[in-house]
Amino acid sequence: MTGKPPKQDSSITVRNTKPCVSPGGETSDGNLLVNIREMMEEMHSDIISKFDMVVSQSVKREITAVLEPFERKLRSVGDTVSELERAANDHSDKLTELEAKVSTLTTLADSLTKKCDDLEGRSRWNNIRLLGLPEGSEGKQPTDFMAQLLHDLLGLQDKTSFVCLKLEGDCVY
């Protein structure tokens, strides 16, 4: 050694230890070596802890830099999932509302079908059925044919005494 005090780095701590002096005032080489080893071990542990801290901070920065895009993407996916959940709830509400309307309209359609069937049946009550006439004997003018047939069958003298016959569809009224 040159007699200069050892340089101290701000990150490395060196303890001052008293040299071991034998009772005769001489320094023992064994104790000196033990002290040097202890100092080296302390410096070694200080260096390792500083290195671990630097590496740990560096790794944290790198991991943070790598994880940032993933976190943004995860937030974006989370927002999308939230929007989809809201849309699904809205659609569920609308579907429930539409099911109620369909049920109401089905009931109304059934009711109207029954009324139409009833009206159709009642409208047939006023129809005249003539049995025994061959089909198609009325020709192209069923109203005139019916007027003439009723005139002949009832033996009426005057054709004007008939109430006016009206043809609707295939039925004579």
N, C-alpha and C. Protein backbone atom coordinates (compact mmCIF):
# COMPACT_ATOMS: atom_id res chain seq x y z
N MET A 1 0.82 -1.18 0.00
CA MET A 1 0.00 0.00 0.00
C MET A 1 0.86 1.25 0.00
N THR A 2 0.30 2.28 -0.53
CA THR A 2 1.07 3.51 -0.73
C THR A 2 0.94 4.49 0.41
N GLY A 3 0.06 4.23 1.30
CA GLY A 3 -0.12 5.13 2.41
C GLY A 3 -1.25 6.11 2.19
N LYS A 4 -1.86 6.09 1.01
CA LYS A 4 -3.00 6.95 0.76
C LYS A 4 -4.24 6.30 1.33
N PRO A 5 -5.15 7.07 1.84
CA PRO A 5 -6.39 6.46 2.32
C PRO A 5 -7.17 5.91 1.12
N PRO A 6 -7.86 4.81 1.32
CA PRO A 6 -8.61 4.22 0.19
C PRO A 6 -9.72 5.16 -0.26
N LYS A 7 -9.92 5.18 -1.60
CA LYS A 7 -10.99 6.02 -2.14
C LYS A 7 -12.32 5.42 -1.75
N GLN A 8 -13.18 6.28 -1.38
CA GLN A 8 -14.52 5.80 -1.01
C GLN A 8 -15.51 6.28 -2.07
N ASP A 9 -16.15 5.29 -2.67
CA ASP A 9 -17.23 5.59 -3.61
C ASP A 9 -18.47 5.88 -2.77
N SER A 10 -19.31 6.73 -3.28
CA SER A 10 -20.50 7.06 -2.50
C SER A 10 -21.40 5.85 -2.34
N SER A 11 -21.22 4.84 -3.20
CA SER A 11 -22.08 3.68 -3.10
C SER A 11 -21.42 2.56 -2.31
N ILE A 12 -20.15 2.68 -1.99
CA ILE A 12 -19.46 1.62 -1.25
C ILE A 12 -19.00 2.20 0.08
N THR A 13 -19.27 1.47 1.14
CA THR A 13 -18.93 1.93 2.47
C THR A 13 -17.76 1.09 2.99
N VAL A 14 -16.75 1.74 3.48
CA VAL A 14 -15.60 1.02 4.05
C VAL A 14 -15.51 1.41 5.52
N ARG A 15 -15.41 0.38 6.35
CA ARG A 15 -15.30 0.65 7.78
C ARG A 15 -13.83 0.76 8.17
N ASN A 16 -13.60 1.67 9.03
CA ASN A 16 -12.25 1.77 9.57
C ASN A 16 -12.14 0.81 10.73
N THR A 17 -11.22 -0.07 10.61
CA THR A 17 -11.00 -1.02 11.71
C THR A 17 -9.60 -0.78 12.26
N LYS A 18 -9.46 -1.02 13.50
CA LYS A 18 -8.15 -0.84 14.13
C LYS A 18 -7.32 -2.08 13.84
N PRO A 19 -6.10 -1.87 13.48
CA PRO A 19 -5.26 -3.05 13.25
C PRO A 19 -5.03 -3.79 14.56
N CYS A 20 -4.96 -5.08 14.42
CA CYS A 20 -4.72 -5.90 15.61
C CYS A 20 -3.24 -5.79 15.99
N VAL A 21 -3.03 -5.38 17.19
CA VAL A 21 -1.65 -5.22 17.65
C VAL A 21 -1.41 -6.24 18.75
N SER A 22 -0.31 -6.92 18.67
CA SER A 22 0.01 -7.92 19.69
C SER A 22 0.50 -7.18 20.93
N PRO A 23 0.52 -7.87 22.08
CA PRO A 23 0.94 -7.19 23.29
C PRO A 23 2.32 -6.55 23.19
N GLY A 24 3.11 -7.00 22.29
CA GLY A 24 4.45 -6.43 22.15
C GLY A 24 4.43 -5.24 21.21
N GLY A 25 3.28 -4.87 20.68
CA GLY A 25 3.19 -3.72 19.79
C GLY A 25 3.32 -4.09 18.33
N GLU A 26 3.43 -5.36 18.02
CA GLU A 26 3.58 -5.79 16.64
C GLU A 26 2.21 -6.18 16.08
N THR A 27 2.02 -5.97 14.83
CA THR A 27 0.77 -6.34 14.17
C THR A 27 0.90 -7.77 13.71
N SER A 28 -0.09 -8.55 14.00
CA SER A 28 -0.01 -9.94 13.57
C SER A 28 -0.56 -10.05 12.16
N ASP A 29 0.13 -10.80 11.36
CA ASP A 29 -0.31 -10.99 9.97
C ASP A 29 -1.63 -11.74 9.90
N GLY A 30 -1.86 -12.67 10.81
CA GLY A 30 -3.11 -13.45 10.81
C GLY A 30 -4.31 -12.57 11.07
N ASN A 31 -4.18 -11.70 12.07
CA ASN A 31 -5.31 -10.80 12.38
C ASN A 31 -5.53 -9.79 11.26
N LEU A 32 -4.44 -9.36 10.65
CA LEU A 32 -4.55 -8.42 9.55
C LEU A 32 -5.29 -9.06 8.38
N LEU A 33 -4.95 -10.30 8.11
CA LEU A 33 -5.64 -11.01 7.02
C LEU A 33 -7.12 -11.21 7.34
N VAL A 34 -7.42 -11.49 8.58
CA VAL A 34 -8.82 -11.66 8.98
C VAL A 34 -9.56 -10.35 8.80
N ASN A 35 -8.95 -9.26 9.20
CA ASN A 35 -9.59 -7.95 9.04
C ASN A 35 -9.79 -7.61 7.57
N ILE A 36 -8.77 -7.92 6.75
CA ILE A 36 -8.90 -7.65 5.31
C ILE A 36 -10.02 -8.49 4.72
N ARG A 37 -10.09 -9.75 5.12
CA ARG A 37 -11.18 -10.61 4.62
C ARG A 37 -12.54 -10.06 5.04
N GLU A 38 -12.65 -9.64 6.28
CA GLU A 38 -13.92 -9.08 6.74
C GLU A 38 -14.29 -7.83 5.94
N MET A 39 -13.29 -6.98 5.71
CA MET A 39 -13.55 -5.78 4.93
C MET A 39 -13.95 -6.14 3.50
N MET A 40 -13.27 -7.13 2.93
CA MET A 40 -13.61 -7.55 1.57
C MET A 40 -15.02 -8.13 1.50
N GLU A 41 -15.38 -8.91 2.51
CA GLU A 41 -16.72 -9.49 2.54
C GLU A 41 -17.78 -8.39 2.67
N GLU A 42 -17.52 -7.40 3.52
CA GLU A 42 -18.45 -6.29 3.66
C GLU A 42 -18.57 -5.51 2.36
N MET A 43 -17.41 -5.26 1.73
CA MET A 43 -17.44 -4.54 0.46
C MET A 43 -18.15 -5.38 -0.60
N HIS A 44 -17.88 -6.67 -0.56
CA HIS A 44 -18.52 -7.57 -1.53
C HIS A 44 -20.04 -7.55 -1.34
N SER A 45 -20.50 -7.65 -0.10
CA SER A 45 -21.94 -7.63 0.14
C SER A 45 -22.54 -6.26 -0.21
N ASP A 46 -21.78 -5.16 0.05
CA ASP A 46 -22.27 -3.83 -0.34
C ASP A 46 -22.37 -3.71 -1.86
N ILE A 47 -21.35 -4.20 -2.55
CA ILE A 47 -21.37 -4.15 -4.02
C ILE A 47 -22.52 -4.97 -4.57
N ILE A 48 -22.71 -6.16 -4.01
CA ILE A 48 -23.80 -7.02 -4.48
C ILE A 48 -25.14 -6.37 -4.22
N SER A 49 -25.34 -5.78 -3.05
CA SER A 49 -26.62 -5.14 -2.76
C SER A 49 -26.85 -3.94 -3.68
N LYS A 50 -25.78 -3.14 -3.94
CA LYS A 50 -25.91 -2.01 -4.86
C LYS A 50 -26.20 -2.52 -6.28
N PHE A 51 -25.49 -3.58 -6.68
CA PHE A 51 -25.71 -4.15 -8.01
C PHE A 51 -27.13 -4.69 -8.14
N ASP A 52 -27.58 -5.40 -7.10
CA ASP A 52 -28.95 -5.92 -7.11
C ASP A 52 -29.96 -4.78 -7.22
N MET A 53 -29.69 -3.68 -6.49
CA MET A 53 -30.61 -2.55 -6.53
C MET A 53 -30.63 -1.92 -7.93
N VAL A 54 -29.45 -1.76 -8.54
CA VAL A 54 -29.37 -1.17 -9.88
C VAL A 54 -30.04 -2.08 -10.89
N VAL A 55 -29.72 -3.38 -10.81
CA VAL A 55 -30.33 -4.34 -11.73
C VAL A 55 -31.83 -4.39 -11.51
N SER A 56 -32.25 -4.40 -10.26
CA SER A 56 -33.68 -4.44 -9.95
C SER A 56 -34.39 -3.23 -10.53
N GLN A 57 -33.81 -2.05 -10.37
CA GLN A 57 -34.43 -0.85 -10.92
C GLN A 57 -34.46 -0.89 -12.45
N SER A 58 -33.38 -1.38 -13.03
CA SER A 58 -33.31 -1.48 -14.49
C SER A 58 -34.35 -2.48 -15.01
N VAL A 59 -34.45 -3.61 -14.34
CA VAL A 59 -35.43 -4.63 -14.74
C VAL A 59 -36.84 -4.09 -14.56
N LYS A 60 -37.07 -3.37 -13.47
CA LYS A 60 -38.40 -2.79 -13.25
C LYS A 60 -38.75 -1.82 -14.37
N ARG A 61 -37.78 -0.98 -14.76
CA ARG A 61 -38.04 -0.03 -15.86
C ARG A 61 -38.35 -0.78 -17.16
N GLU A 62 -37.58 -1.82 -17.44
CA GLU A 62 -37.82 -2.58 -18.67
C GLU A 62 -39.17 -3.28 -18.64
N ILE A 63 -39.48 -3.88 -17.51
CA ILE A 63 -40.77 -4.58 -17.38
C ILE A 63 -41.91 -3.57 -17.50
N THR A 64 -41.75 -2.43 -16.86
CA THR A 64 -42.79 -1.40 -16.95
C THR A 64 -42.97 -0.94 -18.39
N ALA A 65 -41.85 -0.76 -19.09
CA ALA A 65 -41.93 -0.33 -20.50
C ALA A 65 -42.62 -1.39 -21.35
N VAL A 66 -42.34 -2.66 -21.07
CA VAL A 66 -42.95 -3.74 -21.85
C VAL A 66 -44.42 -3.91 -21.48
N LEU A 67 -44.75 -3.75 -20.21
CA LEU A 67 -46.12 -3.98 -19.76
C LEU A 67 -47.08 -2.84 -20.12
N GLU A 68 -46.55 -1.64 -20.35
CA GLU A 68 -47.41 -0.49 -20.64
C GLU A 68 -48.35 -0.74 -21.82
N PRO A 69 -47.87 -1.22 -22.98
CA PRO A 69 -48.80 -1.47 -24.10
C PRO A 69 -49.84 -2.53 -23.75
N PHE A 70 -49.43 -3.54 -23.00
CA PHE A 70 -50.38 -4.58 -22.60
C PHE A 70 -51.46 -4.02 -21.68
N GLU A 71 -51.06 -3.15 -20.78
CA GLU A 71 -52.03 -2.53 -19.88
C GLU A 71 -53.02 -1.66 -20.66
N ARG A 72 -52.51 -0.90 -21.64
CA ARG A 72 -53.41 -0.09 -22.47
C ARG A 72 -54.37 -0.97 -23.24
N LYS A 73 -53.84 -2.04 -23.81
CA LYS A 73 -54.69 -2.96 -24.58
C LYS A 73 -55.72 -3.61 -23.66
N LEU A 74 -55.31 -3.99 -22.46
CA LEU A 74 -56.22 -4.60 -21.51
C LEU A 74 -57.32 -3.63 -21.11
N ARG A 75 -56.96 -2.35 -20.90
CA ARG A 75 -57.98 -1.35 -20.59
C ARG A 75 -58.95 -1.19 -21.76
N SER A 76 -58.39 -1.20 -22.97
CA SER A 76 -59.24 -1.07 -24.16
C SER A 76 -60.20 -2.25 -24.27
N VAL A 77 -59.69 -3.44 -24.02
CA VAL A 77 -60.54 -4.64 -24.06
C VAL A 77 -61.59 -4.57 -22.95
N GLY A 78 -61.18 -4.11 -21.78
CA GLY A 78 -62.14 -3.95 -20.68
C GLY A 78 -63.24 -2.97 -21.02
N ASP A 79 -62.87 -1.86 -21.67
CA ASP A 79 -63.88 -0.88 -22.09
C ASP A 79 -64.83 -1.50 -23.11
N THR A 80 -64.26 -2.26 -24.05
CA THR A 80 -65.09 -2.92 -25.07
C THR A 80 -66.04 -3.91 -24.43
N VAL A 81 -65.55 -4.67 -23.47
CA VAL A 81 -66.41 -5.65 -22.78
C VAL A 81 -67.53 -4.92 -22.04
N SER A 82 -67.20 -3.79 -21.41
CA SER A 82 -68.23 -3.02 -20.71
C SER A 82 -69.30 -2.52 -21.68
N GLU A 83 -68.86 -2.03 -22.84
CA GLU A 83 -69.81 -1.56 -23.85
C GLU A 83 -70.68 -2.72 -24.34
N LEU A 84 -70.07 -3.88 -24.56
CA LEU A 84 -70.84 -5.04 -25.01
C LEU A 84 -71.84 -5.49 -23.95
N GLU A 85 -71.45 -5.43 -22.69
CA GLU A 85 -72.39 -5.79 -21.62
C GLU A 85 -73.57 -4.83 -21.60
N ARG A 86 -73.28 -3.53 -21.76
CA ARG A 86 -74.37 -2.55 -21.80
C ARG A 86 -75.29 -2.81 -22.99
N ALA A 87 -74.70 -3.08 -24.14
CA ALA A 87 -75.51 -3.35 -25.34
C ALA A 87 -76.33 -4.62 -25.15
N ALA A 88 -75.73 -5.64 -24.54
CA ALA A 88 -76.47 -6.89 -24.30
C ALA A 88 -77.64 -6.64 -23.35
N ASN A 89 -77.43 -5.83 -22.33
CA ASN A 89 -78.52 -5.51 -21.41
C ASN A 89 -79.63 -4.74 -22.12
N ASP A 90 -79.23 -3.78 -22.97
CA ASP A 90 -80.23 -3.02 -23.73
C ASP A 90 -81.02 -3.94 -24.64
N HIS A 91 -80.32 -4.84 -25.33
CA HIS A 91 -81.01 -5.77 -26.23
C HIS A 91 -81.91 -6.72 -25.45
N SER A 92 -81.48 -7.12 -24.29
CA SER A 92 -82.31 -8.00 -23.46
C SER A 92 -83.59 -7.28 -23.05
N ASP A 93 -83.46 -6.00 -22.66
CA ASP A 93 -84.64 -5.22 -22.29
C ASP A 93 -85.59 -5.07 -23.47
N LYS A 94 -85.02 -4.75 -24.64
CA LYS A 94 -85.86 -4.60 -25.83
C LYS A 94 -86.51 -5.91 -26.22
N LEU A 95 -85.78 -7.01 -26.07
CA LEU A 95 -86.33 -8.32 -26.40
C LEU A 95 -87.50 -8.66 -25.48
N THR A 96 -87.36 -8.36 -24.20
CA THR A 96 -88.45 -8.59 -23.26
C THR A 96 -89.67 -7.76 -23.64
N GLU A 97 -89.43 -6.51 -24.00
CA GLU A 97 -90.52 -5.62 -24.41
C GLU A 97 -91.20 -6.16 -25.68
N LEU A 98 -90.40 -6.59 -26.64
CA LEU A 98 -90.96 -7.11 -27.89
C LEU A 98 -91.71 -8.42 -27.68
N GLU A 99 -91.23 -9.25 -26.76
CA GLU A 99 -91.94 -10.50 -26.46
C GLU A 99 -93.33 -10.19 -25.90
N ALA A 100 -93.41 -9.17 -25.05
CA ALA A 100 -94.71 -8.78 -24.50
C ALA A 100 -95.63 -8.28 -25.61
N LYS A 101 -95.08 -7.47 -26.53
CA LYS A 101 -95.88 -6.97 -27.65
C LYS A 101 -96.34 -8.12 -28.55
N VAL A 102 -95.45 -9.07 -28.82
CA VAL A 102 -95.82 -10.22 -29.66
C VAL A 102 -96.93 -11.01 -29.00
N SER A 103 -96.84 -11.19 -27.69
CA SER A 103 -97.89 -11.91 -26.97
C SER A 103 -99.22 -11.19 -27.09
N THR A 104 -99.19 -9.86 -26.91
CA THR A 104 -100.42 -9.06 -27.03
C THR A 104 -100.98 -9.15 -28.44
N LEU A 105 -100.11 -9.01 -29.44
CA LEU A 105 -100.56 -9.06 -30.84
C LEU A 105 -101.07 -10.45 -31.22
N THR A 106 -100.47 -11.50 -30.67
CA THR A 106 -100.94 -12.86 -30.94
C THR A 106 -102.34 -13.05 -30.38
N THR A 107 -102.55 -12.56 -29.16
CA THR A 107 -103.88 -12.64 -28.55
C THR A 107 -104.89 -11.86 -29.39
N LEU A 108 -104.52 -10.67 -29.83
CA LEU A 108 -105.40 -9.85 -30.66
C LEU A 108 -105.69 -10.54 -32.00
N ALA A 109 -104.67 -11.13 -32.62
CA ALA A 109 -104.86 -11.82 -33.90
C ALA A 109 -105.80 -13.01 -33.73
N ASP A 110 -105.65 -13.75 -32.63
CA ASP A 110 -106.56 -14.89 -32.37
C ASP A 110 -107.99 -14.39 -32.21
N SER A 111 -108.15 -13.31 -31.46
CA SER A 111 -109.49 -12.74 -31.26
C SER A 111 -110.10 -12.29 -32.58
N LEU A 112 -109.32 -11.60 -33.40
CA LEU A 112 -109.82 -11.13 -34.69
C LEU A 112 -110.12 -12.29 -35.64
N THR A 113 -109.33 -13.35 -35.57
CA THR A 113 -109.60 -14.53 -36.40
C THR A 113 -110.94 -15.14 -36.02
N LYS A 114 -111.19 -15.24 -34.71
CA LYS A 114 -112.47 -15.79 -34.26
C LYS A 114 -113.62 -14.90 -34.71
N LYS A 115 -113.45 -13.58 -34.61
CA LYS A 115 -114.50 -12.66 -35.04
C LYS A 115 -114.75 -12.79 -36.55
N CYS A 116 -113.69 -12.90 -37.33
CA CYS A 116 -113.85 -13.05 -38.79
C CYS A 116 -114.58 -14.35 -39.12
N ASP A 117 -114.20 -15.43 -38.43
CA ASP A 117 -114.88 -16.71 -38.65
C ASP A 117 -116.37 -16.58 -38.31
N ASP A 118 -116.67 -15.91 -37.20
CA ASP A 118 -118.06 -15.72 -36.80
C ASP A 118 -118.81 -14.89 -37.83
N LEU A 119 -118.21 -13.78 -38.28
CA LEU A 119 -118.86 -12.94 -39.28
C LEU A 119 -119.05 -13.68 -40.60
N GLU A 120 -118.09 -14.48 -40.96
CA GLU A 120 -118.22 -15.25 -42.19
C GLU A 120 -119.37 -16.24 -42.08
N GLY A 121 -119.46 -16.88 -40.93
CA GLY A 121 -120.57 -17.81 -40.70
C GLY A 121 -121.91 -17.10 -40.71
N ARG A 122 -121.97 -15.95 -40.05
CA ARG A 122 -123.23 -15.20 -40.02
C ARG A 122 -123.61 -14.68 -41.41
N SER A 123 -122.63 -14.32 -42.22
CA SER A 123 -122.96 -13.82 -43.55
C SER A 123 -123.56 -14.92 -44.43
N ARG A 124 -123.25 -16.14 -44.13
CA ARG A 124 -123.82 -17.24 -44.91
C ARG A 124 -125.28 -17.50 -44.54
N TRP A 125 -125.72 -16.99 -43.42
CA TRP A 125 -127.11 -17.21 -43.03
C TRP A 125 -128.07 -16.58 -44.05
N ASN A 126 -127.66 -15.51 -44.69
CA ASN A 126 -128.52 -14.80 -45.65
C ASN A 126 -128.40 -15.35 -47.07
N ASN A 127 -127.58 -16.33 -47.28
CA ASN A 127 -127.42 -16.89 -48.62
C ASN A 127 -128.58 -17.83 -48.94
N ILE A 128 -128.92 -17.88 -50.21
CA ILE A 128 -129.95 -18.82 -50.69
C ILE A 128 -129.22 -19.97 -51.36
N ARG A 129 -129.56 -21.18 -50.95
CA ARG A 129 -129.00 -22.36 -51.60
C ARG A 129 -130.09 -23.04 -52.40
N LEU A 130 -129.78 -23.24 -53.61
CA LEU A 130 -130.72 -23.95 -54.48
C LEU A 130 -130.12 -25.30 -54.81
N LEU A 131 -130.77 -26.33 -54.36
CA LEU A 131 -130.28 -27.68 -54.59
C LEU A 131 -130.94 -28.26 -55.83
N GLY A 132 -130.23 -29.11 -56.50
CA GLY A 132 -130.78 -29.80 -57.65
C GLY A 132 -130.54 -29.10 -58.97
N LEU A 133 -129.95 -27.93 -58.95
CA LEU A 133 -129.62 -27.25 -60.20
C LEU A 133 -128.24 -27.70 -60.65
N PRO A 134 -128.11 -28.05 -61.92
CA PRO A 134 -126.79 -28.45 -62.40
C PRO A 134 -125.83 -27.26 -62.35
N GLU A 135 -124.59 -27.55 -62.01
CA GLU A 135 -123.58 -26.50 -61.89
C GLU A 135 -123.31 -25.91 -63.27
N GLY A 136 -123.22 -24.61 -63.31
CA GLY A 136 -122.95 -23.90 -64.55
C GLY A 136 -124.19 -23.58 -65.35
N SER A 137 -125.38 -23.93 -64.87
CA SER A 137 -126.61 -23.67 -65.62
C SER A 137 -126.96 -22.19 -65.65
N GLU A 138 -126.36 -21.39 -64.78
CA GLU A 138 -126.66 -19.96 -64.74
C GLU A 138 -126.04 -19.20 -65.89
N GLY A 139 -125.02 -19.81 -66.51
CA GLY A 139 -124.38 -19.15 -67.64
C GLY A 139 -123.50 -18.01 -67.20
N LYS A 140 -123.44 -16.96 -68.03
CA LYS A 140 -122.54 -15.84 -67.75
C LYS A 140 -123.23 -14.74 -66.96
N GLN A 141 -124.52 -14.83 -66.77
CA GLN A 141 -125.25 -13.79 -66.03
C GLN A 141 -126.12 -14.45 -64.96
N PRO A 142 -125.51 -14.75 -63.80
CA PRO A 142 -126.26 -15.44 -62.76
C PRO A 142 -127.43 -14.62 -62.20
N THR A 143 -127.32 -13.31 -62.19
CA THR A 143 -128.41 -12.48 -61.66
C THR A 143 -129.66 -12.61 -62.53
N ASP A 144 -129.47 -12.49 -63.82
CA ASP A 144 -130.62 -12.64 -64.73
C ASP A 144 -131.19 -14.06 -64.66
N PHE A 145 -130.31 -15.05 -64.54
CA PHE A 145 -130.76 -16.43 -64.45
C PHE A 145 -131.62 -16.64 -63.21
N MET A 146 -131.16 -16.10 -62.05
CA MET A 146 -131.91 -16.26 -60.80
C MET A 146 -133.25 -15.52 -60.88
N ALA A 147 -133.26 -14.36 -61.47
CA ALA A 147 -134.51 -13.60 -61.60
C ALA A 147 -135.51 -14.38 -62.45
N GLN A 148 -135.05 -14.94 -63.53
CA GLN A 148 -135.93 -15.72 -64.41
C GLN A 148 -136.38 -16.99 -63.72
N LEU A 149 -135.46 -17.67 -62.99
CA LEU A 149 -135.81 -18.93 -62.30
C LEU A 149 -136.85 -18.68 -61.23
N LEU A 150 -136.65 -17.66 -60.41
CA LEU A 150 -137.61 -17.36 -59.35
C LEU A 150 -138.95 -16.91 -59.96
N HIS A 151 -138.92 -16.20 -61.04
CA HIS A 151 -140.15 -15.76 -61.72
C HIS A 151 -140.92 -16.98 -62.22
N ASP A 152 -140.20 -17.92 -62.79
CA ASP A 152 -140.86 -19.12 -63.31
C ASP A 152 -141.36 -20.00 -62.18
N LEU A 153 -140.56 -20.19 -61.12
CA LEU A 153 -140.94 -21.09 -60.03
C LEU A 153 -142.07 -20.51 -59.19
N LEU A 154 -142.04 -19.23 -58.95
CA LEU A 154 -143.05 -18.62 -58.10
C LEU A 154 -144.29 -18.20 -58.90
N GLY A 155 -144.20 -18.24 -60.18
CA GLY A 155 -145.34 -17.93 -61.03
C GLY A 155 -145.75 -16.49 -60.94
N LEU A 156 -144.83 -15.62 -60.86
CA LEU A 156 -145.13 -14.19 -60.77
C LEU A 156 -145.43 -13.65 -62.15
N GLN A 157 -146.31 -12.69 -62.19
CA GLN A 157 -146.74 -12.10 -63.45
C GLN A 157 -145.77 -11.01 -63.90
N ASP A 158 -145.26 -10.25 -62.96
CA ASP A 158 -144.48 -9.08 -63.31
C ASP A 158 -143.05 -9.25 -62.79
N LYS A 159 -142.06 -9.02 -63.62
CA LYS A 159 -140.66 -9.15 -63.20
C LYS A 159 -140.25 -8.00 -62.28
N THR A 160 -140.96 -6.90 -62.30
CA THR A 160 -140.58 -5.75 -61.49
C THR A 160 -140.94 -5.94 -60.03
N SER A 161 -141.74 -6.94 -59.71
CA SER A 161 -142.10 -7.16 -58.31
C SER A 161 -140.96 -7.80 -57.52
N PHE A 162 -139.91 -8.19 -58.20
CA PHE A 162 -138.75 -8.76 -57.49
C PHE A 162 -137.94 -7.66 -56.83
N VAL A 163 -137.49 -7.99 -55.69
CA VAL A 163 -136.52 -7.10 -55.06
C VAL A 163 -135.23 -7.30 -55.83
N CYS A 164 -134.51 -6.26 -56.00
CA CYS A 164 -133.31 -6.28 -56.81
C CYS A 164 -132.33 -7.32 -56.28
N LEU A 165 -131.84 -8.20 -57.13
CA LEU A 165 -130.84 -9.20 -56.75
C LEU A 165 -129.45 -8.61 -57.00
N LYS A 166 -128.58 -8.89 -56.09
CA LYS A 166 -127.25 -8.33 -56.19
C LYS A 166 -126.25 -9.48 -56.12
N LEU A 167 -125.29 -9.51 -57.00
CA LEU A 167 -124.29 -10.57 -57.04
C LEU A 167 -123.00 -10.06 -56.41
N GLU A 168 -122.53 -10.80 -55.41
CA GLU A 168 -121.25 -10.48 -54.79
C GLU A 168 -120.42 -11.74 -54.79
N GLY A 169 -119.34 -11.74 -55.48
CA GLY A 169 -118.50 -12.91 -55.56
C GLY A 169 -119.22 -14.02 -56.28
N ASP A 170 -119.28 -15.18 -55.67
CA ASP A 170 -119.97 -16.32 -56.26
C ASP A 170 -121.35 -16.50 -55.68
N CYS A 171 -121.79 -15.62 -54.82
CA CYS A 171 -123.08 -15.79 -54.14
C CYS A 171 -124.09 -14.78 -54.66
N VAL A 172 -125.35 -15.20 -54.72
CA VAL A 172 -126.43 -14.31 -55.11
C VAL A 172 -127.14 -13.89 -53.84
N TYR A 173 -127.33 -12.58 -53.64
CA TYR A 173 -128.01 -12.08 -52.44
C TYR A 173 -129.33 -11.51 -52.83
